[in-house]
Amino acid sequence: DVPPDSYSVVPTEWADGSRSDMVYASTEFPPILIEIQYRVNQEFMLRLINYASDVYKRYKMLPIVLVIVTKSFSSAEFQNEFTVSAEGLLLETGCKFWAKKCFLLTADAVS
């Protein structure tokens, strides 16, 4: 359990001028990077890794990443690269070196 008010919204502009959607930071817990994405493809995943690296550089802690997928994946084969999380509602991907965890919430999961 995380106590209320443990996280605050922080700036999302990075040194290279890029900007992620949302970052929540805490002095006690891992930062949370949230991206809202219409279609997930290889290009987006590479950008996501860059954002996670930027979060790490700023907070010296690997982030927990949540991607909210509003439409779909670039292909069924690409979607199959993700696994269903233990909770069953989210998809998950390997991220050992760039994030603590990486989850994807799809439109199908909430419909």
PDB file of N, CA and C in Angstrom:
ATOM      1  N   ASP A   1       0.831  -1.195   0.000  1.00  0.00           N
ATOM      2  CA  ASP A   1       0.000   0.000   0.000  1.00  0.00           C
ATOM      3  C   ASP A   1       0.869   1.249   0.000  1.00  0.00           C
ATOM      4  N   VAL A   2       0.403   2.211  -0.757  1.00  0.00           N
ATOM      5  CA  VAL A   2       1.111   3.483  -0.857  1.00  0.00           C
ATOM      6  C   VAL A   2       0.270   4.541  -0.146  1.00  0.00           C
ATOM      7  N   PRO A   3       0.845   5.254   0.810  1.00  0.00           N
ATOM      8  CA  PRO A   3       0.085   6.293   1.513  1.00  0.00           C
ATOM      9  C   PRO A   3      -0.394   7.385   0.555  1.00  0.00           C
ATOM     10  N   PRO A   4      -1.536   8.002   0.868  1.00  0.00           N
ATOM     11  CA  PRO A   4      -2.018   9.120   0.040  1.00  0.00           C
ATOM     12  C   PRO A   4      -0.961  10.218  -0.031  1.00  0.00           C
ATOM     13  N   ASP A   5      -0.970  10.933  -1.118  1.00  0.00           N
ATOM     14  CA  ASP A   5      -0.049  12.056  -1.340  1.00  0.00           C
ATOM     15  C   ASP A   5       1.414  11.642  -1.420  1.00  0.00           C
ATOM     16  N   SER A   6       1.679  10.373  -1.716  1.00  0.00           N
ATOM     17  CA  SER A   6       3.062   9.908  -1.867  1.00  0.00           C
ATOM     18  C   SER A   6       3.668  10.354  -3.188  1.00  0.00           C
ATOM     19  N   TYR A   7       2.814  10.585  -4.186  1.00  0.00           N
ATOM     20  CA  TYR A   7       3.277  10.946  -5.523  1.00  0.00           C
ATOM     21  C   TYR A   7       2.808  12.346  -5.888  1.00  0.00           C
ATOM     22  N   SER A   8       3.593  13.006  -6.723  1.00  0.00           N
ATOM     23  CA  SER A   8       3.169  14.281  -7.290  1.00  0.00           C
ATOM     24  C   SER A   8       3.488  14.285  -8.780  1.00  0.00           C
ATOM     25  N   VAL A   9       2.708  15.041  -9.519  1.00  0.00           N
ATOM     26  CA  VAL A   9       2.936  15.199 -10.955  1.00  0.00           C
ATOM     27  C   VAL A   9       4.177  16.062 -11.127  1.00  0.00           C
ATOM     28  N   VAL A  10       5.057  15.643 -12.034  1.00  0.00           N
ATOM     29  CA  VAL A  10       6.311  16.371 -12.245  1.00  0.00           C
ATOM     30  C   VAL A  10       6.463  16.723 -13.721  1.00  0.00           C
ATOM     31  N   PRO A  11       7.347  17.663 -14.054  1.00  0.00           N
ATOM     32  CA  PRO A  11       7.556  18.045 -15.453  1.00  0.00           C
ATOM     33  C   PRO A  11       7.952  16.847 -16.320  1.00  0.00           C
ATOM     34  N   THR A  12       7.509  16.881 -17.565  1.00  0.00           N
ATOM     35  CA  THR A  12       7.742  15.755 -18.474  1.00  0.00           C
ATOM     36  C   THR A  12       8.569  16.134 -19.691  1.00  0.00           C
ATOM     37  N   GLU A  13       9.205  17.283 -19.662  1.00  0.00           N
ATOM     38  CA  GLU A  13      10.086  17.647 -20.768  1.00  0.00           C
ATOM     39  C   GLU A  13      11.494  17.187 -20.427  1.00  0.00           C
ATOM     40  N   TRP A  14      12.150  16.544 -21.414  1.00  0.00           N
ATOM     41  CA  TRP A  14      13.459  15.945 -21.184  1.00  0.00           C
ATOM     42  C   TRP A  14      14.559  16.778 -21.830  1.00  0.00           C
ATOM     43  N   ALA A  15      15.796  16.468 -21.515  1.00  0.00           N
ATOM     44  CA  ALA A  15      16.959  17.245 -21.969  1.00  0.00           C
ATOM     45  C   ALA A  15      17.018  17.388 -23.484  1.00  0.00           C
ATOM     46  N   ASP A  16      16.537  16.371 -24.214  1.00  0.00           N
ATOM     47  CA  ASP A  16      16.582  16.425 -25.681  1.00  0.00           C
ATOM     48  C   ASP A  16      15.393  17.171 -26.281  1.00  0.00           C
ATOM     49  N   GLY A  17      14.530  17.745 -25.437  1.00  0.00           N
ATOM     50  CA  GLY A  17      13.370  18.485 -25.917  1.00  0.00           C
ATOM     51  C   GLY A  17      12.123  17.638 -26.089  1.00  0.00           C
ATOM     52  N   SER A  18      12.256  16.326 -25.970  1.00  0.00           N
ATOM     53  CA  SER A  18      11.080  15.459 -26.088  1.00  0.00           C
ATOM     54  C   SER A  18      10.230  15.599 -24.833  1.00  0.00           C
ATOM     55  N   ARG A  19       8.986  15.142 -24.930  1.00  0.00           N
ATOM     56  CA  ARG A  19       8.058  15.290 -23.813  1.00  0.00           C
ATOM     57  C   ARG A  19       7.190  14.044 -23.712  1.00  0.00           C
ATOM     58  N   SER A  20       7.186  13.431 -22.552  1.00  0.00           N
ATOM     59  CA  SER A  20       6.307  12.284 -22.323  1.00  0.00           C
ATOM     60  C   SER A  20       4.964  12.798 -21.802  1.00  0.00           C
ATOM     61  N   ASP A  21       3.974  11.896 -21.705  1.00  0.00           N
ATOM     62  CA  ASP A  21       2.627  12.332 -21.332  1.00  0.00           C
ATOM     63  C   ASP A  21       2.509  12.686 -19.852  1.00  0.00           C
ATOM     64  N   MET A  22       2.859  11.761 -18.959  1.00  0.00           N
ATOM     65  CA  MET A  22       2.727  12.012 -17.521  1.00  0.00           C
ATOM     66  C   MET A  22       3.816  11.282 -16.753  1.00  0.00           C
ATOM     67  N   VAL A  23       4.305  11.929 -15.724  1.00  0.00           N
ATOM     68  CA  VAL A  23       5.233  11.286 -14.793  1.00  0.00           C
ATOM     69  C   VAL A  23       4.807  11.680 -13.384  1.00  0.00           C
ATOM     70  N   TYR A  24       4.720  10.679 -12.540  1.00  0.00           N
ATOM     71  CA  TYR A  24       4.461  10.888 -11.119  1.00  0.00           C
ATOM     72  C   TYR A  24       5.727  10.473 -10.376  1.00  0.00           C
ATOM     73  N   ALA A  25       6.179  11.307  -9.447  1.00  0.00           N
ATOM     74  CA  ALA A  25       7.409  11.006  -8.709  1.00  0.00           C
ATOM     75  C   ALA A  25       7.136  11.026  -7.210  1.00  0.00           C
ATOM     76  N   SER A  26       7.970  10.294  -6.503  1.00  0.00           N
ATOM     77  CA  SER A  26       7.874  10.171  -5.054  1.00  0.00           C
ATOM     78  C   SER A  26       9.283  10.135  -4.490  1.00  0.00           C
ATOM     79  N   THR A  27       9.424  10.540  -3.253  1.00  0.00           N
ATOM     80  CA  THR A  27      10.733  10.433  -2.611  1.00  0.00           C
ATOM     81  C   THR A  27      10.973   9.026  -2.078  1.00  0.00           C
ATOM     82  N   GLU A  28       9.909   8.231  -1.961  1.00  0.00           N
ATOM     83  CA  GLU A  28      10.024   6.897  -1.365  1.00  0.00           C
ATOM     84  C   GLU A  28       9.781   5.738  -2.325  1.00  0.00           C
ATOM     85  N   PHE A  29       9.100   5.999  -3.421  1.00  0.00           N
ATOM     86  CA  PHE A  29       8.672   4.926  -4.317  1.00  0.00           C
ATOM     87  C   PHE A  29       9.166   5.183  -5.736  1.00  0.00           C
ATOM     88  N   PRO A  30       9.173   4.142  -6.578  1.00  0.00           N
ATOM     89  CA  PRO A  30       9.626   4.326  -7.963  1.00  0.00           C
ATOM     90  C   PRO A  30       8.749   5.332  -8.710  1.00  0.00           C
ATOM     91  N   PRO A  31       9.343   6.112  -9.603  1.00  0.00           N
ATOM     92  CA  PRO A  31       8.539   7.010 -10.428  1.00  0.00           C
ATOM     93  C   PRO A  31       7.601   6.198 -11.324  1.00  0.00           C
ATOM     94  N   ILE A  32       6.512   6.825 -11.732  1.00  0.00           N
ATOM     95  CA  ILE A  32       5.541   6.184 -12.617  1.00  0.00           C
ATOM     96  C   ILE A  32       5.471   6.998 -13.896  1.00  0.00           C
ATOM     97  N   LEU A  33       5.736   6.350 -15.010  1.00  0.00           N
ATOM     98  CA  LEU A  33       5.665   6.960 -16.336  1.00  0.00           C
ATOM     99  C   LEU A  33       4.399   6.450 -17.005  1.00  0.00           C
ATOM    100  N   ILE A  34       3.534   7.362 -17.435  1.00  0.00           N
ATOM    101  CA  ILE A  34       2.291   6.981 -18.104  1.00  0.00           C
ATOM    102  C   ILE A  34       2.294   7.575 -19.501  1.00  0.00           C
ATOM    103  N   GLU A  35       2.056   6.730 -20.481  1.00  0.00           N
ATOM    104  CA  GLU A  35       1.949   7.160 -21.869  1.00  0.00           C
ATOM    105  C   GLU A  35       0.593   6.733 -22.415  1.00  0.00           C
ATOM    106  N   ILE A  36      -0.057   7.620 -23.138  1.00  0.00           N
ATOM    107  CA  ILE A  36      -1.316   7.307 -23.808  1.00  0.00           C
ATOM    108  C   ILE A  36      -0.994   7.220 -25.289  1.00  0.00           C
ATOM    109  N   GLN A  37      -1.290   6.059 -25.882  1.00  0.00           N
ATOM    110  CA  GLN A  37      -0.861   5.806 -27.253  1.00  0.00           C
ATOM    111  C   GLN A  37      -2.005   5.227 -28.072  1.00  0.00           C
ATOM    112  N   TYR A  38      -2.241   5.814 -29.238  1.00  0.00           N
ATOM    113  CA  TYR A  38      -3.293   5.347 -30.140  1.00  0.00           C
ATOM    114  C   TYR A  38      -2.969   3.959 -30.676  1.00  0.00           C
ATOM    115  N   ARG A  39      -1.785   3.810 -31.244  1.00  0.00           N
ATOM    116  CA  ARG A  39      -1.371   2.529 -31.825  1.00  0.00           C
ATOM    117  C   ARG A  39       0.046   2.210 -31.349  1.00  0.00           C
ATOM    118  N   VAL A  40       0.237   1.018 -30.823  1.00  0.00           N
ATOM    119  CA  VAL A  40       1.549   0.603 -30.323  1.00  0.00           C
ATOM    120  C   VAL A  40       2.299  -0.132 -31.427  1.00  0.00           C
ATOM    121  N   ASN A  41       3.495   0.364 -31.729  1.00  0.00           N
ATOM    122  CA  ASN A  41       4.355  -0.272 -32.735  1.00  0.00           C
ATOM    123  C   ASN A  41       5.810  -0.191 -32.254  1.00  0.00           C
ATOM    124  N   GLN A  42       6.703  -0.671 -33.064  1.00  0.00           N
ATOM    125  CA  GLN A  42       8.123  -0.695 -32.693  1.00  0.00           C
ATOM    126  C   GLN A  42       8.653   0.707 -32.414  1.00  0.00           C
ATOM    127  N   GLU A  43       8.297   1.661 -33.255  1.00  0.00           N
ATOM    128  CA  GLU A  43       8.771   3.038 -33.081  1.00  0.00           C
ATOM    129  C   GLU A  43       8.333   3.599 -31.723  1.00  0.00           C
ATOM    130  N   PHE A  44       7.083   3.365 -31.363  1.00  0.00           N
ATOM    131  CA  PHE A  44       6.605   3.832 -30.059  1.00  0.00           C
ATOM    132  C   PHE A  44       7.370   3.164 -28.922  1.00  0.00           C
ATOM    133  N   MET A  45       7.586   1.857 -29.002  1.00  0.00           N
ATOM    134  CA  MET A  45       8.275   1.148 -27.919  1.00  0.00           C
ATOM    135  C   MET A  45       9.697   1.678 -27.732  1.00  0.00           C
ATOM    136  N   LEU A  46      10.374   2.011 -28.819  1.00  0.00           N
ATOM    137  CA  LEU A  46      11.722   2.584 -28.712  1.00  0.00           C
ATOM    138  C   LEU A  46      11.677   3.964 -28.055  1.00  0.00           C
ATOM    139  N   ARG A  47      10.664   4.758 -28.402  1.00  0.00           N
ATOM    140  CA  ARG A  47      10.493   6.068 -27.773  1.00  0.00           C
ATOM    141  C   ARG A  47      10.197   5.899 -26.276  1.00  0.00           C
ATOM    142  N   LEU A  48       9.386   4.891 -25.942  1.00  0.00           N
ATOM    143  CA  LEU A  48       9.052   4.610 -24.547  1.00  0.00           C
ATOM    144  C   LEU A  48      10.308   4.266 -23.738  1.00  0.00           C
ATOM    145  N   ILE A  49      11.187   3.470 -24.328  1.00  0.00           N
ATOM    146  CA  ILE A  49      12.445   3.119 -23.659  1.00  0.00           C
ATOM    147  C   ILE A  49      13.279   4.384 -23.413  1.00  0.00           C
ATOM    148  N   ASN A  50      13.292   5.291 -24.383  1.00  0.00           N
ATOM    149  CA  ASN A  50      14.015   6.562 -24.193  1.00  0.00           C
ATOM    150  C   ASN A  50      13.420   7.365 -23.039  1.00  0.00           C
ATOM    151  N   TYR A  51      12.089   7.449 -22.983  1.00  0.00           N
ATOM    152  CA  TYR A  51      11.441   8.174 -21.885  1.00  0.00           C
ATOM    153  C   TYR A  51      11.785   7.536 -20.541  1.00  0.00           C
ATOM    154  N   ALA A  52      11.730   6.206 -20.481  1.00  0.00           N
ATOM    155  CA  ALA A  52      12.053   5.505 -19.232  1.00  0.00           C
ATOM    156  C   ALA A  52      13.505   5.785 -18.831  1.00  0.00           C
ATOM    157  N   SER A  53      14.398   5.841 -19.806  1.00  0.00           N
ATOM    158  CA  SER A  53      15.801   6.171 -19.526  1.00  0.00           C
ATOM    159  C   SER A  53      15.928   7.591 -18.992  1.00  0.00           C
ATOM    160  N   ASP A  54      15.154   8.512 -19.559  1.00  0.00           N
ATOM    161  CA  ASP A  54      15.161   9.892 -19.070  1.00  0.00           C
ATOM    162  C   ASP A  54      14.665   9.964 -17.628  1.00  0.00           C
ATOM    163  N   VAL A  55      13.609   9.206 -17.322  1.00  0.00           N
ATOM    164  CA  VAL A  55      13.096   9.166 -15.950  1.00  0.00           C
ATOM    165  C   VAL A  55      14.181   8.636 -15.017  1.00  0.00           C
ATOM    166  N   TYR A  56      14.859   7.583 -15.440  1.00  0.00           N
ATOM    167  CA  TYR A  56      15.930   7.016 -14.612  1.00  0.00           C
ATOM    168  C   TYR A  56      17.045   8.040 -14.368  1.00  0.00           C
ATOM    169  N   LYS A  57      17.436   8.741 -15.420  1.00  0.00           N
ATOM    170  CA  LYS A  57      18.508   9.732 -15.270  1.00  0.00           C
ATOM    171  C   LYS A  57      18.128  10.816 -14.264  1.00  0.00           C
ATOM    172  N   ARG A  58      16.867  11.212 -14.274  1.00  0.00           N
ATOM    173  CA  ARG A  58      16.423  12.286 -13.384  1.00  0.00           C
ATOM    174  C   ARG A  58      16.222  11.814 -11.943  1.00  0.00           C
ATOM    175  N   TYR A  59      15.666  10.614 -11.764  1.00  0.00           N
ATOM    176  CA  TYR A  59      15.273  10.167 -10.422  1.00  0.00           C
ATOM    177  C   TYR A  59      16.133   9.034  -9.868  1.00  0.00           C
ATOM    178  N   LYS A  60      17.084   8.551 -10.659  1.00  0.00           N
ATOM    179  CA  LYS A  60      18.014   7.494 -10.220  1.00  0.00           C
ATOM    180  C   LYS A  60      17.290   6.234  -9.741  1.00  0.00           C
ATOM    181  N   MET A  61      16.149   5.962 -10.382  1.00  0.00           N
ATOM    182  CA  MET A  61      15.359   4.789 -10.049  1.00  0.00           C
ATOM    183  C   MET A  61      14.589   4.378 -11.305  1.00  0.00           C
ATOM    184  N   LEU A  62      14.572   3.076 -11.600  1.00  0.00           N
ATOM    185  CA  LEU A  62      13.806   2.616 -12.757  1.00  0.00           C
ATOM    186  C   LEU A  62      12.323   2.877 -12.527  1.00  0.00           C
ATOM    187  N   PRO A  63      11.614   3.384 -13.553  1.00  0.00           N
ATOM    188  CA  PRO A  63      10.198   3.688 -13.380  1.00  0.00           C
ATOM    189  C   PRO A  63       9.306   2.457 -13.548  1.00  0.00           C
ATOM    190  N   ILE A  64       8.113   2.579 -13.026  1.00  0.00           N
ATOM    191  CA  ILE A  64       7.025   1.677 -13.389  1.00  0.00           C
ATOM    192  C   ILE A  64       6.340   2.357 -14.566  1.00  0.00           C
ATOM    193  N   VAL A  65       6.120   1.625 -15.646  1.00  0.00           N
ATOM    194  CA  VAL A  65       5.570   2.203 -16.870  1.00  0.00           C
ATOM    195  C   VAL A  65       4.169   1.651 -17.113  1.00  0.00           C
ATOM    196  N   LEU A  66       3.242   2.548 -17.432  1.00  0.00           N
ATOM    197  CA  LEU A  66       1.896   2.158 -17.841  1.00  0.00           C
ATOM    198  C   LEU A  66       1.596   2.817 -19.168  1.00  0.00           C
ATOM    199  N   VAL A  67       1.263   2.006 -20.164  1.00  0.00           N
ATOM    200  CA  VAL A  67       0.855   2.512 -21.471  1.00  0.00           C
ATOM    201  C   VAL A  67      -0.637   2.254 -21.601  1.00  0.00           C
ATOM    202  N   ILE A  68      -1.393   3.301 -21.865  1.00  0.00           N
ATOM    203  CA  ILE A  68      -2.825   3.162 -22.118  1.00  0.00           C
ATOM    204  C   ILE A  68      -2.994   3.173 -23.628  1.00  0.00           C
ATOM    205  N   VAL A  69      -3.369   2.022 -24.173  1.00  0.00           N
ATOM    206  CA  VAL A  69      -3.495   1.847 -25.626  1.00  0.00           C
ATOM    207  C   VAL A  69      -4.936   2.171 -26.005  1.00  0.00           C
ATOM    208  N   THR A  70      -5.148   3.274 -26.727  1.00  0.00           N
ATOM    209  CA  THR A  70      -6.515   3.695 -27.024  1.00  0.00           C
ATOM    210  C   THR A  70      -7.103   3.024 -28.258  1.00  0.00           C
ATOM    211  N   LYS A  71      -6.270   2.460 -29.124  1.00  0.00           N
ATOM    212  CA  LYS A  71      -6.790   1.802 -30.325  1.00  0.00           C
ATOM    213  C   LYS A  71      -6.303   0.361 -30.437  1.00  0.00           C
ATOM    214  N   SER A  72      -5.025   0.181 -30.828  1.00  0.00           N
ATOM    215  CA  SER A  72      -4.582  -1.183 -31.121  1.00  0.00           C
ATOM    216  C   SER A  72      -3.064  -1.264 -31.204  1.00  0.00           C
ATOM    217  N   PHE A  73      -2.614  -2.427 -31.616  1.00  0.00           N
ATOM    218  CA  PHE A  73      -1.204  -2.676 -31.897  1.00  0.00           C
ATOM    219  C   PHE A  73      -1.010  -2.649 -33.407  1.00  0.00           C
ATOM    220  N   SER A  74       0.224  -2.497 -33.837  1.00  0.00           N
ATOM    221  CA  SER A  74       0.495  -2.420 -35.274  1.00  0.00           C
ATOM    222  C   SER A  74       0.123  -3.705 -35.997  1.00  0.00           C
ATOM    223  N   SER A  75       0.157  -4.829 -35.288  1.00  0.00           N
ATOM    224  CA  SER A  75      -0.253  -6.114 -35.876  1.00  0.00           C
ATOM    225  C   SER A  75      -0.544  -7.099 -34.749  1.00  0.00           C
ATOM    226  N   ALA A  76      -1.250  -8.157 -35.079  1.00  0.00           N
ATOM    227  CA  ALA A  76      -1.526  -9.211 -34.092  1.00  0.00           C
ATOM    228  C   ALA A  76      -0.224  -9.861 -33.644  1.00  0.00           C
ATOM    229  N   GLU A  77       0.709 -10.025 -34.581  1.00  0.00           N
ATOM    230  CA  GLU A  77       1.998 -10.625 -34.242  1.00  0.00           C
ATOM    231  C   GLU A  77       2.743  -9.759 -33.228  1.00  0.00           C
ATOM    232  N   PHE A  78       2.683  -8.451 -33.413  1.00  0.00           N
ATOM    233  CA  PHE A  78       3.342  -7.536 -32.476  1.00  0.00           C
ATOM    234  C   PHE A  78       2.677  -7.630 -31.105  1.00  0.00           C
ATOM    235  N   GLN A  79       1.353  -7.672 -31.065  1.00  0.00           N
ATOM    236  CA  GLN A  79       0.633  -7.783 -29.797  1.00  0.00           C
ATOM    237  C   GLN A  79       0.980  -9.084 -29.083  1.00  0.00           C
ATOM    238  N   ASN A  80       1.209 -10.143 -29.838  1.00  0.00           N
ATOM    239  CA  ASN A  80       1.535 -11.439 -29.238  1.00  0.00           C
ATOM    240  C   ASN A  80       2.891 -11.454 -28.543  1.00  0.00           C
ATOM    241  N   GLU A  81       3.706 -10.428 -28.755  1.00  0.00           N
ATOM    242  CA  GLU A  81       4.988 -10.324 -28.064  1.00  0.00           C
ATOM    243  C   GLU A  81       4.804  -9.947 -26.590  1.00  0.00           C
ATOM    244  N   PHE A  82       3.605  -9.507 -26.230  1.00  0.00           N
ATOM    245  CA  PHE A  82       3.294  -9.119 -24.858  1.00  0.00           C
ATOM    246  C   PHE A  82       2.575 -10.273 -24.174  1.00  0.00           C
ATOM    247  N   THR A  83       2.732 -10.379 -22.857  1.00  0.00           N
ATOM    248  CA  THR A  83       2.080 -11.454 -22.110  1.00  0.00           C
ATOM    249  C   THR A  83       1.034 -10.861 -21.172  1.00  0.00           C
ATOM    250  N   VAL A  84       0.066 -11.680 -20.810  1.00  0.00           N
ATOM    251  CA  VAL A  84      -0.956 -11.243 -19.864  1.00  0.00           C
ATOM    252  C   VAL A  84      -0.336 -11.224 -18.468  1.00  0.00           C
ATOM    253  N   SER A  85      -0.532 -10.128 -17.750  1.00  0.00           N
ATOM    254  CA  SER A  85       0.041 -10.001 -16.402  1.00  0.00           C
ATOM    255  C   SER A  85      -0.658 -10.941 -15.429  1.00  0.00           C
ATOM    256  N   ALA A  86      -0.065 -11.112 -14.277  1.00  0.00           N
ATOM    257  CA  ALA A  86      -0.626 -11.997 -13.248  1.00  0.00           C
ATOM    258  C   ALA A  86      -2.030 -11.557 -12.838  1.00  0.00           C
ATOM    259  N   GLU A  87      -2.300 -10.260 -12.899  1.00  0.00           N
ATOM    260  CA  GLU A  87      -3.618  -9.740 -12.540  1.00  0.00           C
ATOM    261  C   GLU A  87      -4.657 -10.046 -13.615  1.00  0.00           C
ATOM    262  N   GLY A  88      -4.200 -10.320 -14.825  1.00  0.00           N
ATOM    263  CA  GLY A  88      -5.093 -10.698 -15.908  1.00  0.00           C
ATOM    264  C   GLY A  88      -5.681  -9.568 -16.723  1.00  0.00           C
ATOM    265  N   LEU A  89      -5.664  -8.348 -16.230  1.00  0.00           N
ATOM    266  CA  LEU A  89      -6.272  -7.233 -16.945  1.00  0.00           C
ATOM    267  C   LEU A  89      -5.279  -6.525 -17.865  1.00  0.00           C
ATOM    268  N   LEU A  90      -4.021  -6.558 -17.506  1.00  0.00           N
ATOM    269  CA  LEU A  90      -2.990  -5.819 -18.229  1.00  0.00           C
ATOM    270  C   LEU A  90      -2.107  -6.748 -19.043  1.00  0.00           C
ATOM    271  N   LEU A  91      -1.494  -6.182 -20.077  1.00  0.00           N
ATOM    272  CA  LEU A  91      -0.423  -6.877 -20.781  1.00  0.00           C
ATOM    273  C   LEU A  91       0.890  -6.403 -20.173  1.00  0.00           C
ATOM    274  N   GLU A  92       1.916  -7.214 -20.336  1.00  0.00           N
ATOM    275  CA  GLU A  92       3.213  -6.904 -19.744  1.00  0.00           C
ATOM    276  C   GLU A  92       4.300  -7.252 -20.754  1.00  0.00           C
ATOM    277  N   THR A  93       5.419  -6.565 -20.656  1.00  0.00           N
ATOM    278  CA  THR A  93       6.549  -6.881 -21.521  1.00  0.00           C
ATOM    279  C   THR A  93       7.840  -6.874 -20.708  1.00  0.00           C
ATOM    280  N   GLY A  94       8.820  -7.597 -21.186  1.00  0.00           N
ATOM    281  CA  GLY A  94      10.124  -7.606 -20.536  1.00  0.00           C
ATOM    282  C   GLY A  94      10.738  -6.223 -20.575  1.00  0.00           C
ATOM    283  N   CYS A  95      11.341  -5.816 -19.470  1.00  0.00           N
ATOM    284  CA  CYS A  95      11.890  -4.456 -19.392  1.00  0.00           C
ATOM    285  C   CYS A  95      13.019  -4.367 -18.375  1.00  0.00           C
ATOM    286  N   LYS A  96      13.645  -5.466 -18.096  1.00  0.00           N
ATOM    287  CA  LYS A  96      14.600  -5.595 -16.991  1.00  0.00           C
ATOM    288  C   LYS A  96      15.598  -4.441 -16.879  1.00  0.00           C
ATOM    289  N   PHE A  97      16.079  -3.937 -17.980  1.00  0.00           N
ATOM    290  CA  PHE A  97      17.151  -2.946 -17.931  1.00  0.00           C
ATOM    291  C   PHE A  97      16.678  -1.506 -18.093  1.00  0.00           C
ATOM    292  N   TRP A  98      15.402  -1.284 -18.359  1.00  0.00           N
ATOM    293  CA  TRP A  98      14.931   0.088 -18.563  1.00  0.00           C
ATOM    294  C   TRP A  98      13.708   0.474 -17.731  1.00  0.00           C
ATOM    295  N   ALA A  99      13.052  -0.485 -17.084  1.00  0.00           N
ATOM    296  CA  ALA A  99      11.909  -0.169 -16.221  1.00  0.00           C
ATOM    297  C   ALA A  99      11.757  -1.254 -15.166  1.00  0.00           C
ATOM    298  N   LYS A 100      11.165  -0.874 -14.046  1.00  0.00           N
ATOM    299  CA  LYS A 100      10.884  -1.851 -12.990  1.00  0.00           C
ATOM    300  C   LYS A 100       9.806  -2.816 -13.469  1.00  0.00           C
ATOM    301  N   LYS A 101       8.770  -2.284 -14.097  1.00  0.00           N
ATOM    302  CA  LYS A 101       7.685  -3.051 -14.711  1.00  0.00           C
ATOM    303  C   LYS A 101       7.157  -2.228 -15.872  1.00  0.00           C
ATOM    304  N   CYS A 102       6.619  -2.911 -16.884  1.00  0.00           N
ATOM    305  CA  CYS A 102       5.985  -2.206 -18.001  1.00  0.00           C
ATOM    306  C   CYS A 102       4.666  -2.892 -18.314  1.00  0.00           C
ATOM    307  N   PHE A 103       3.575  -2.164 -18.092  1.00  0.00           N
ATOM    308  CA  PHE A 103       2.234  -2.686 -18.315  1.00  0.00           C
ATOM    309  C   PHE A 103       1.550  -1.921 -19.438  1.00  0.00           C
ATOM    310  N   LEU A 104       0.657  -2.618 -20.140  1.00  0.00           N
ATOM    311  CA  LEU A 104      -0.159  -1.982 -21.165  1.00  0.00           C
ATOM    312  C   LEU A 104      -1.619  -2.280 -20.867  1.00  0.00           C
ATOM    313  N   LEU A 105      -2.426  -1.238 -20.841  1.00  0.00           N
ATOM    314  CA  LEU A 105      -3.866  -1.372 -20.671  1.00  0.00           C
ATOM    315  C   LEU A 105      -4.489  -1.127 -22.032  1.00  0.00           C
ATOM    316  N   THR A 106      -5.163  -2.138 -22.570  1.00  0.00           N
ATOM    317  CA  THR A 106      -5.727  -2.025 -23.912  1.00  0.00           C
ATOM    318  C   THR A 106      -7.200  -1.650 -23.857  1.00  0.00           C
ATOM    319  N   ALA A 107      -7.689  -1.110 -24.966  1.00  0.00           N
ATOM    320  CA  ALA A 107      -9.104  -0.767 -25.070  1.00  0.00           C
ATOM    321  C   ALA A 107      -9.964  -2.013 -24.887  1.00  0.00           C
ATOM    322  N   ASP A 108      -9.505  -3.152 -25.392  1.00  0.00           N
ATOM    323  CA  ASP A 108     -10.258  -4.404 -25.248  1.00  0.00           C
ATOM    324  C   ASP A 108     -10.416  -4.804 -23.786  1.00  0.00           C
ATOM    325  N   ALA A 109      -9.428  -4.534 -22.973  1.00  0.00           N
ATOM    326  CA  ALA A 109      -9.454  -4.948 -21.564  1.00  0.00           C
ATOM    327  C   ALA A 109     -10.502  -4.194 -20.758  1.00  0.00           C
ATOM    328  N   VAL A 110     -10.826  -2.987 -21.179  1.00  0.00           N
ATOM    329  CA  VAL A 110     -11.784  -2.187 -20.420  1.00  0.00           C
ATOM    330  C   VAL A 110     -13.163  -2.117 -21.060  1.00  0.00           C
ATOM    331  N   SER A 111     -13.324  -2.758 -22.201  1.00  0.00           N
ATOM    332  CA  SER A 111     -14.644  -2.705 -22.858  1.00  0.00           C
ATOM    333  C   SER A 111     -15.515  -3.865 -22.449  1.00  0.00           C
TER     334      SER A 111
END
